Amino acid sequence: MRRSAEQNKPAGADGFGLWRKWSLFQAHGPSARRRSVLKLALAPALIIAILLAGCDLPYFAHAAYEEGHLLWNRRPIIQVLQSPSLAQATRQRLETVLEVRRFATDLGLQVGGAYQTVTTVDQNAVVWVLMAAPRDSLSPYLWWFPIVGYVPYRGYFRRARADAEARAMERKGYDTFVRPAIAFSSLGFFNDPVMSNLLELSRVELAGVLIHELFHRTFFLKSDVMFDESSANWIGNRGAVEFFAQTEGADSQDAAAAKGIYESDMKFAAFLLQKEGRLLKLYQSGLPRDEILKRRVAVFTEIKADYARLKPLLSGLERFDLDQQQLNNAVLVNYLIYFHNLDHFAALDRMHHGDLRATIASIIKLAQSEPNDPFHAVWKATLNAPRATDVAATSIGRPIGDLSFTLTNPRP
């Protein structure tokens, strides 16, 4: 069953109606090695959504087999580390996983039994995720599954099946984007293993991904994928900076690399905010649809050119290929999910004098105080925050544009 999403008037004091009626779970992404390909992590809930799609039994059976395979083949990291033939690079990363677990506990995150095990996978992508959006809107296309409800993606364990569905969506007039997902978090429902392909990341990237996922395990706001992912993205990057500063020293090479990723994300978030506003102005202009589609080509060209100028200023570990991708609304929506109002989280951190544990607790408390508009709650709390002195941070203020929508026209 599917439903479309249409834009509405701005909702919430920050101008963002957010993407309501989404699933209890979410796909995770942008994570690491973005220079060559956008690799995204996958929440198990996407798997659960697949498993609950009983109306498609072959799809169900294949998904159940693949998920069971991942969990069944877990091996304790401590046991793997005892092997004398283990490659040094792999050993270092597995030791980093265990160190990050201890650090995350100190941050107040609910680590539990997560990432005590490792599962070998024989491909870079655990699953392929399809996203779609109308060609004249930044609202995502929504798929509906029993129990978990509406989600802005559908997962496939075979790239060919994802591509085939993307082509079918394109014939119906949608923009599409198929992306790989290389990891998952079950939000605490299971003791998630570390996928072996994650061990190919640098230690800096790996630490950020794990802290990101452990925040999801600690706190998840139902039906607000954008807040869940943007907050986890900021916490993962900020946490990696703190982790290496504590374990290796603030002036260490890894701490500097982590800070470079953090600052790059702040710059990229500010860039996306501006370009989002540019597109929304066009899409909400009231012009004929054919004229909007014609003019958006020039906007996409502008976005790619402007990003090409920004790209050299970003960390080498955090350079997306936005200037080389064929842009459409689905591609941009995929990025927007993870980079909304990161400057507000940074402002909250300044209010807590860089005490990340206190900042994380504050983010959770504020989101719980205003679950229908958590970005607004954070924005209000940071109105009197000390101004940023770091040139990478953006100014504090309300975001540009609106992505609010309501669900309409249900159809099987």
Protein backbone atom coordinates (compact mmCIF):
# COMPACT_ATOMS: atom_id res chain seq x y z
CA MET A 1 0.00 0.00 0.00
CA ARG A 2 1.26 3.51 -0.80
CA ARG A 3 0.41 7.08 -0.14
CA SER A 4 1.64 10.26 -1.67
CA ALA A 5 2.85 13.30 0.24
CA GLU A 6 1.95 16.87 -0.58
CA GLN A 7 3.27 20.13 0.81
CA ASN A 8 1.24 22.27 3.16
CA LYS A 9 1.67 25.67 4.76
CA PRO A 10 4.56 25.95 7.23
CA ALA A 11 3.88 24.26 10.55
CA GLY A 12 5.83 24.96 13.72
CA ALA A 13 7.71 28.05 14.75
CA ASP A 14 10.83 26.97 12.92
CA GLY A 15 8.97 26.81 9.62
CA PHE A 16 9.24 23.03 9.40
CA GLY A 17 6.15 20.85 9.58
CA LEU A 18 8.56 17.91 9.49
CA TRP A 19 7.70 14.71 7.79
CA ARG A 20 4.89 13.30 9.89
CA LYS A 21 3.28 9.89 9.68
CA TRP A 22 6.59 8.19 9.01
CA SER A 23 7.59 4.83 10.36
CA LEU A 24 8.60 3.87 13.85
CA PHE A 25 11.95 3.15 12.29
CA GLN A 26 14.26 4.94 9.86
CA ALA A 27 17.01 4.36 7.33
CA HIS A 28 20.34 5.73 8.40
CA GLY A 29 22.65 7.61 6.22
CA PRO A 30 25.07 9.61 5.06
CA SER A 31 27.82 7.90 7.00
CA ALA A 32 31.29 7.58 5.58
CA ARG A 33 33.63 7.42 2.56
CA ARG A 34 31.47 9.90 0.73
CA ARG A 35 34.17 10.80 -1.73
CA SER A 36 33.43 7.77 -3.90
CA VAL A 37 29.88 6.79 -3.00
CA LEU A 38 27.23 7.85 -0.54
CA LYS A 39 27.17 4.93 1.87
CA LEU A 40 24.27 4.82 4.25
CA ALA A 41 23.49 2.82 7.32
CA LEU A 42 20.22 0.97 7.63
CA ALA A 43 17.89 0.82 10.59
CA PRO A 44 16.58 -2.67 11.28
CA ALA A 45 13.22 -1.29 11.18
CA LEU A 46 13.55 -1.06 7.47
CA ILE A 47 14.18 -4.80 7.68
CA ILE A 48 11.20 -5.15 10.02
CA ALA A 49 9.09 -3.13 7.61
CA ILE A 50 10.18 -5.56 4.91
CA LEU A 51 9.39 -8.55 7.10
CA LEU A 52 5.92 -7.26 7.87
CA ALA A 53 5.05 -6.72 4.24
CA GLY A 54 3.04 -9.90 4.15
CA CYS A 55 1.26 -8.88 0.97
CA ASP A 56 4.50 -9.72 -0.91
CA LEU A 57 5.47 -13.20 0.24
CA PRO A 58 8.58 -13.67 -1.95
CA TYR A 59 9.83 -10.30 -0.73
CA PHE A 60 9.06 -11.35 2.85
CA ALA A 61 10.80 -14.70 2.57
CA HIS A 62 13.96 -13.27 1.05
CA ALA A 63 14.17 -10.49 3.62
CA ALA A 64 13.65 -12.91 6.51
CA TYR A 65 16.43 -15.14 5.22
CA GLU A 66 18.91 -12.28 4.79
CA GLU A 67 18.21 -10.72 8.20
CA GLY A 68 18.43 -14.09 9.93
CA HIS A 69 21.75 -14.72 8.21
CA LEU A 70 23.20 -11.46 9.56
CA LEU A 71 22.16 -12.17 13.14
CA TRP A 72 22.95 -15.89 13.10
CA ASN A 73 26.55 -15.35 12.00
CA ARG A 74 27.55 -12.96 14.80
CA ARG A 75 30.89 -13.67 16.51
CA PRO A 76 32.08 -12.08 19.78
CA ILE A 77 34.68 -9.40 19.08
CA ILE A 78 36.74 -10.51 22.08
CA GLN A 79 36.94 -13.98 20.55
CA VAL A 80 37.94 -12.63 17.12
CA LEU A 81 40.69 -10.51 18.71
CA GLN A 82 42.33 -13.68 20.07
CA SER A 83 43.23 -14.83 16.58
CA PRO A 84 47.00 -14.36 15.98
CA SER A 85 46.41 -14.13 12.22
CA LEU A 86 44.04 -11.17 12.46
CA ALA A 87 45.18 -8.27 10.28
CA GLN A 88 46.53 -5.34 12.28
CA ALA A 89 44.15 -2.83 10.67
CA THR A 90 41.16 -5.03 11.50
CA ARG A 91 42.43 -5.52 15.05
CA GLN A 92 42.74 -1.76 15.56
CA ARG A 93 39.21 -1.15 14.37
CA LEU A 94 37.68 -3.89 16.49
CA GLU A 95 39.52 -2.50 19.51
CA THR A 96 38.15 0.93 18.59
CA VAL A 97 34.63 -0.50 18.57
CA LEU A 98 35.04 -1.71 22.15
CA GLU A 99 36.57 1.61 23.22
CA VAL A 100 33.71 3.55 21.64
CA ARG A 101 31.23 1.36 23.51
CA ARG A 102 32.82 2.36 26.83
CA PHE A 103 32.96 6.03 25.81
CA ALA A 104 29.31 6.01 24.73
CA THR A 105 28.33 4.61 28.11
CA ASP A 106 30.05 7.59 29.74
CA LEU A 107 27.96 9.87 27.51
CA GLY A 108 24.82 8.34 28.97
CA LEU A 109 23.94 6.35 25.85
CA GLN A 110 22.23 2.98 26.30
CA VAL A 111 24.88 0.69 24.86
CA GLY A 112 23.59 -2.60 26.23
CA GLY A 113 24.90 -5.56 24.24
CA ALA A 114 25.24 -3.67 20.96
CA TYR A 115 28.47 -3.97 18.97
CA GLN A 116 30.01 -6.70 21.10
CA THR A 117 29.90 -8.96 18.05
CA VAL A 118 30.90 -8.81 14.41
CA THR A 119 29.21 -10.33 11.36
CA THR A 120 31.02 -11.02 8.10
CA VAL A 121 29.25 -9.75 4.98
CA ASP A 122 30.46 -10.33 1.46
CA GLN A 123 29.29 -7.10 -0.11
CA ASN A 124 29.64 -3.36 0.52
CA ALA A 125 25.88 -2.83 0.60
CA VAL A 126 23.80 -4.84 3.03
CA VAL A 127 20.68 -3.58 1.28
CA TRP A 128 19.68 -1.17 -1.48
CA VAL A 129 17.26 1.58 -0.53
CA LEU A 130 14.85 3.30 -2.93
CA MET A 131 13.63 6.83 -2.27
CA ALA A 132 11.25 8.86 -4.42
CA ALA A 133 9.71 12.34 -4.55
CA PRO A 134 7.41 14.28 -6.90
CA ARG A 135 9.28 16.30 -9.52
CA ASP A 136 7.79 19.57 -8.29
CA SER A 137 8.07 18.99 -4.53
CA LEU A 138 10.59 18.16 -1.81
CA SER A 139 8.09 15.94 0.01
CA PRO A 140 9.09 12.27 -0.05
CA TYR A 141 6.98 9.49 -1.52
CA LEU A 142 5.75 7.24 1.29
CA TRP A 143 5.39 3.48 1.41
CA TRP A 144 3.05 1.94 3.97
CA PHE A 145 3.71 -1.31 5.84
CA PRO A 146 1.64 -3.08 8.49
CA ILE A 147 2.42 -2.02 12.07
CA VAL A 148 5.31 0.35 11.28
CA GLY A 149 3.18 2.56 9.02
CA TYR A 150 4.56 5.09 6.54
CA VAL A 151 8.21 5.13 5.54
CA PRO A 152 10.04 7.23 2.91
CA TYR A 153 11.94 4.30 1.44
CA ARG A 154 11.78 0.66 0.46
CA GLY A 155 14.68 -1.75 0.86
CA TYR A 156 15.88 -4.49 -1.47
CA PHE A 157 18.60 -7.07 -1.00
CA ARG A 158 19.29 -7.07 -4.73
CA ARG A 159 20.27 -3.92 -6.63
CA ALA A 160 18.46 -5.09 -9.76
CA ARG A 161 15.11 -5.21 -7.95
CA ALA A 162 15.60 -1.72 -6.52
CA ASP A 163 16.50 -0.36 -9.95
CA ALA A 164 13.47 -2.01 -11.53
CA GLU A 165 11.13 -0.42 -8.99
CA ALA A 166 12.87 2.94 -9.49
CA ARG A 167 12.21 2.75 -13.22
CA ALA A 168 8.55 1.95 -12.53
CA MET A 169 8.29 4.99 -10.23
CA GLU A 170 9.94 7.20 -12.83
CA ARG A 171 7.37 6.12 -15.41
CA LYS A 172 4.72 7.38 -12.97
CA GLY A 173 6.38 10.79 -12.89
CA TYR A 174 8.56 10.61 -9.76
CA ASP A 175 12.19 11.45 -9.16
CA THR A 176 14.04 8.46 -7.67
CA PHE A 177 17.29 7.67 -5.92
CA VAL A 178 18.71 4.22 -5.17
CA ARG A 179 21.44 4.14 -2.54
CA PRO A 180 23.45 1.50 -0.69
CA ALA A 181 23.08 0.89 3.03
CA ILE A 182 26.00 -0.72 4.81
CA ALA A 183 24.89 -1.08 8.44
CA PHE A 184 21.85 -1.20 10.66
CA SER A 185 20.62 -0.37 14.14
CA SER A 186 17.65 -2.11 15.72
CA LEU A 187 17.00 0.80 18.09
CA GLY A 188 17.65 -1.54 21.01
CA PHE A 189 15.39 -4.40 19.94
CA PHE A 190 18.43 -6.61 19.24
CA ASN A 191 22.10 -6.65 20.17
CA ASP A 192 23.34 -5.38 16.83
CA PRO A 193 26.62 -6.70 15.41
CA VAL A 194 29.27 -4.64 13.66
CA MET A 195 29.19 -5.47 9.96
CA SER A 196 32.62 -6.46 8.63
CA ASN A 197 32.36 -3.88 5.83
CA LEU A 198 32.31 -1.11 8.44
CA LEU A 199 35.82 -2.16 9.39
CA GLU A 200 36.99 -0.80 6.05
CA LEU A 201 36.25 2.72 7.29
CA SER A 202 38.87 4.83 9.01
CA ARG A 203 38.82 4.72 12.81
CA VAL A 204 37.47 8.29 12.81
CA GLU A 205 34.59 7.45 10.50
CA LEU A 206 33.87 4.23 12.39
CA ALA A 207 33.64 6.02 15.75
CA GLY A 208 31.18 8.56 14.34
CA VAL A 209 28.94 5.87 12.83
CA LEU A 210 28.84 3.85 16.06
CA ILE A 211 27.99 6.84 18.26
CA HIS A 212 25.32 7.87 15.74
CA GLU A 213 23.74 4.42 15.93
CA LEU A 214 24.01 4.21 19.71
CA PHE A 215 22.10 7.47 20.04
CA HIS A 216 19.29 5.90 18.00
CA ARG A 217 19.38 2.97 20.41
CA THR A 218 19.04 5.44 23.29
CA PHE A 219 16.36 7.75 21.92
CA PHE A 220 14.00 7.59 18.99
CA LEU A 221 11.15 10.00 18.34
CA LYS A 222 8.37 8.18 16.54
CA SER A 223 7.30 9.59 13.17
CA ASP A 224 10.09 12.18 12.92
CA VAL A 225 12.87 10.72 10.82
CA MET A 226 14.39 14.12 10.12
CA PHE A 227 14.88 14.99 13.79
CA ASP A 228 16.12 11.50 14.62
CA GLU A 229 18.69 11.52 11.86
CA SER A 230 19.84 15.13 12.09
CA SER A 231 20.34 14.91 15.87
CA ALA A 232 22.13 11.55 15.56
CA ASN A 233 24.29 12.91 12.75
CA TRP A 234 25.39 15.87 14.90
CA ILE A 235 25.91 13.73 18.01
CA GLY A 236 27.90 11.11 16.08
CA ASN A 237 30.29 13.68 14.63
CA ARG A 238 30.60 15.71 17.83
CA GLY A 239 31.05 12.50 19.80
CA ALA A 240 33.90 11.35 17.55
CA VAL A 241 35.73 14.64 18.20
CA GLU A 242 35.35 14.16 21.96
CA PHE A 243 36.29 10.47 21.81
CA PHE A 244 39.63 11.05 20.12
CA ALA A 245 40.37 14.16 22.18
CA GLN A 246 39.96 12.06 25.33
CA THR A 247 41.72 8.91 24.16
CA GLU A 248 44.53 10.37 22.04
CA GLY A 249 44.67 14.06 22.89
CA ALA A 250 43.00 17.15 21.45
CA ASP A 251 45.99 17.79 19.16
CA SER A 252 46.16 14.23 17.83
CA GLN A 253 45.79 13.43 14.15
CA ASP A 254 42.56 11.51 14.69
CA ALA A 255 41.03 14.30 16.79
CA ALA A 256 41.89 16.79 14.05
CA ALA A 257 40.33 14.52 11.41
CA ALA A 258 37.17 14.14 13.49
CA LYS A 259 36.95 17.91 13.92
CA GLY A 260 37.35 18.30 10.16
CA ILE A 261 34.36 16.04 9.57
CA TYR A 262 32.30 17.94 12.16
CA GLU A 263 33.10 21.33 10.66
CA SER A 264 32.45 20.06 7.13
CA ASP A 265 29.00 18.85 8.11
CA MET A 266 28.18 22.26 9.59
CA LYS A 267 29.19 23.94 6.34
CA PHE A 268 27.29 21.43 4.23
CA ALA A 269 24.17 21.85 6.38
CA ALA A 270 24.26 25.62 5.86
CA PHE A 271 24.71 25.07 2.12
CA LEU A 272 21.74 22.69 1.93
CA LEU A 273 19.54 25.09 3.87
CA GLN A 274 20.17 27.82 1.35
CA LYS A 275 19.59 25.60 -1.66
CA GLU A 276 16.48 24.09 -0.13
CA GLY A 277 15.03 27.59 0.20
CA ARG A 278 15.87 28.31 -3.43
CA LEU A 279 13.96 25.24 -4.64
CA LEU A 280 10.99 25.74 -2.31
CA LYS A 281 10.57 29.26 -3.62
CA LEU A 282 10.25 27.84 -7.11
CA TYR A 283 8.00 24.90 -6.17
CA GLN A 284 5.63 27.13 -4.22
CA SER A 285 5.62 29.91 -6.83
CA GLY A 286 2.26 28.97 -8.35
CA LEU A 287 3.77 28.75 -11.84
CA PRO A 288 2.50 26.08 -14.25
CA ARG A 289 4.07 22.70 -13.56
CA ASP A 290 5.80 22.55 -16.94
CA GLU A 291 7.42 25.90 -16.25
CA ILE A 292 8.54 24.76 -12.77
CA LEU A 293 10.13 21.64 -14.23
CA LYS A 294 11.89 23.74 -16.84
CA ARG A 295 13.25 26.23 -14.33
CA ARG A 296 14.39 23.63 -11.83
CA VAL A 297 17.02 22.46 -14.31
CA ALA A 298 18.78 25.80 -13.90
CA VAL A 299 18.50 25.57 -10.11
CA PHE A 300 20.02 22.09 -10.08
CA THR A 301 22.86 23.35 -12.29
CA GLU A 302 23.42 26.22 -9.86
CA ILE A 303 23.46 23.84 -6.88
CA LYS A 304 26.09 21.63 -8.50
CA ALA A 305 28.27 24.60 -9.46
CA ASP A 306 28.05 26.15 -5.99
CA TYR A 307 28.84 22.84 -4.34
CA ALA A 308 31.87 22.37 -6.59
CA ARG A 309 33.21 25.61 -5.10
CA LEU A 310 32.42 24.49 -1.55
CA LYS A 311 33.79 20.97 -1.91
CA PRO A 312 37.52 21.85 -1.63
CA LEU A 313 36.78 23.53 1.72
CA LEU A 314 35.38 20.29 3.20
CA SER A 315 37.32 17.55 4.93
CA GLY A 316 38.66 14.88 2.61
CA LEU A 317 36.67 12.35 4.65
CA GLU A 318 33.46 14.30 4.24
CA ARG A 319 33.20 15.24 0.58
CA PHE A 320 29.98 14.22 -1.07
CA ASP A 321 29.69 13.87 -4.84
CA LEU A 322 26.78 16.29 -5.12
CA ASP A 323 28.54 18.12 -7.96
CA GLN A 324 28.85 14.88 -9.94
CA GLN A 325 25.45 13.33 -9.26
CA GLN A 326 22.43 13.70 -11.49
CA LEU A 327 20.38 15.85 -9.16
CA ASN A 328 16.67 15.47 -8.55
CA ASN A 329 14.34 15.96 -5.61
CA ALA A 330 14.79 12.43 -4.27
CA VAL A 331 18.57 12.90 -4.10
CA LEU A 332 18.22 16.20 -2.26
CA VAL A 333 15.59 14.86 0.16
CA ASN A 334 18.01 12.08 1.06
CA TYR A 335 20.60 14.68 2.12
CA LEU A 336 18.12 17.00 3.81
CA ILE A 337 17.04 14.32 6.27
CA TYR A 338 20.47 14.29 7.90
CA PHE A 339 21.52 17.93 7.90
CA HIS A 340 18.62 19.97 9.26
CA ASN A 341 19.38 22.66 11.85
CA LEU A 342 22.72 21.24 12.96
CA ASP A 343 23.66 24.73 14.10
CA HIS A 344 20.93 24.58 16.75
CA PHE A 345 22.45 21.46 18.28
CA ALA A 346 25.83 23.19 18.26
CA ALA A 347 24.28 26.19 20.02
CA LEU A 348 22.82 23.90 22.67
CA ASP A 349 26.29 22.42 23.18
CA ARG A 350 27.72 25.92 23.74
CA MET A 351 25.05 26.55 26.34
CA HIS A 352 26.32 23.46 28.16
CA HIS A 353 29.94 24.66 27.82
CA GLY A 354 30.89 21.70 25.62
CA ASP A 355 29.62 19.07 28.06
CA LEU A 356 28.42 16.56 25.48
CA ARG A 357 26.71 14.29 27.99
CA ALA A 358 24.63 17.23 29.21
CA THR A 359 23.91 18.33 25.63
CA ILE A 360 22.64 14.87 24.66
CA ALA A 361 20.40 14.74 27.72
CA SER A 362 19.08 18.20 26.83
CA ILE A 363 18.32 17.21 23.23
CA ILE A 364 16.29 14.25 24.46
CA LYS A 365 14.46 16.27 27.10
CA LEU A 366 13.59 19.06 24.66
CA ALA A 367 12.35 16.61 22.03
CA GLN A 368 10.16 14.91 24.60
CA SER A 369 8.76 18.27 25.71
CA GLU A 370 7.52 19.08 22.21
CA PRO A 371 7.32 15.80 20.28
CA ASN A 372 5.19 17.27 17.51
CA ASP A 373 7.87 19.84 16.69
CA PRO A 374 11.19 18.99 18.40
CA PHE A 375 13.22 21.32 16.19
CA HIS A 376 11.14 24.19 17.52
CA ALA A 377 11.84 23.14 21.10
CA VAL A 378 15.59 23.13 20.46
CA TRP A 379 15.41 26.43 18.59
CA LYS A 380 13.58 28.12 21.46
CA ALA A 381 16.08 26.79 23.98
CA THR A 382 19.01 28.25 22.05
CA LEU A 383 17.71 31.76 21.42
CA ASN A 384 20.03 33.14 24.09
CA ALA A 385 22.93 30.79 23.41
CA PRO A 386 26.46 32.24 23.17
CA ARG A 387 27.31 33.06 19.60
CA ALA A 388 29.62 30.71 17.75
CA THR A 389 33.19 31.83 17.28
CA ASP A 390 34.09 28.92 15.06
CA VAL A 391 33.93 30.00 11.41
CA ALA A 392 32.52 26.60 10.50
CA ALA A 393 29.40 27.10 12.59
CA THR A 394 26.38 28.80 11.12
CA SER A 395 24.44 31.63 12.71
CA ILE A 396 21.52 30.86 14.98
CA GLY A 397 18.15 31.58 13.51
CA ARG A 398 15.09 30.14 11.91
CA PRO A 399 15.54 27.91 8.88
CA ILE A 400 14.59 28.86 5.38
CA GLY A 401 11.65 27.21 3.71
CA ASP A 402 9.17 24.53 4.62
CA LEU A 403 8.78 20.84 3.93
CA SER A 404 5.51 20.24 5.69
CA PHE A 405 2.92 18.01 4.12
CA THR A 406 -0.16 16.00 4.78
CA LEU A 407 -0.94 12.48 3.64
CA THR A 408 -3.56 12.31 0.96
CA ASN A 409 -5.16 9.98 -1.54
CA PRO A 410 -4.48 6.53 -0.05
CA ARG A 411 -4.28 3.84 -2.65
CA PRO A 412 -3.40 0.15 -2.57
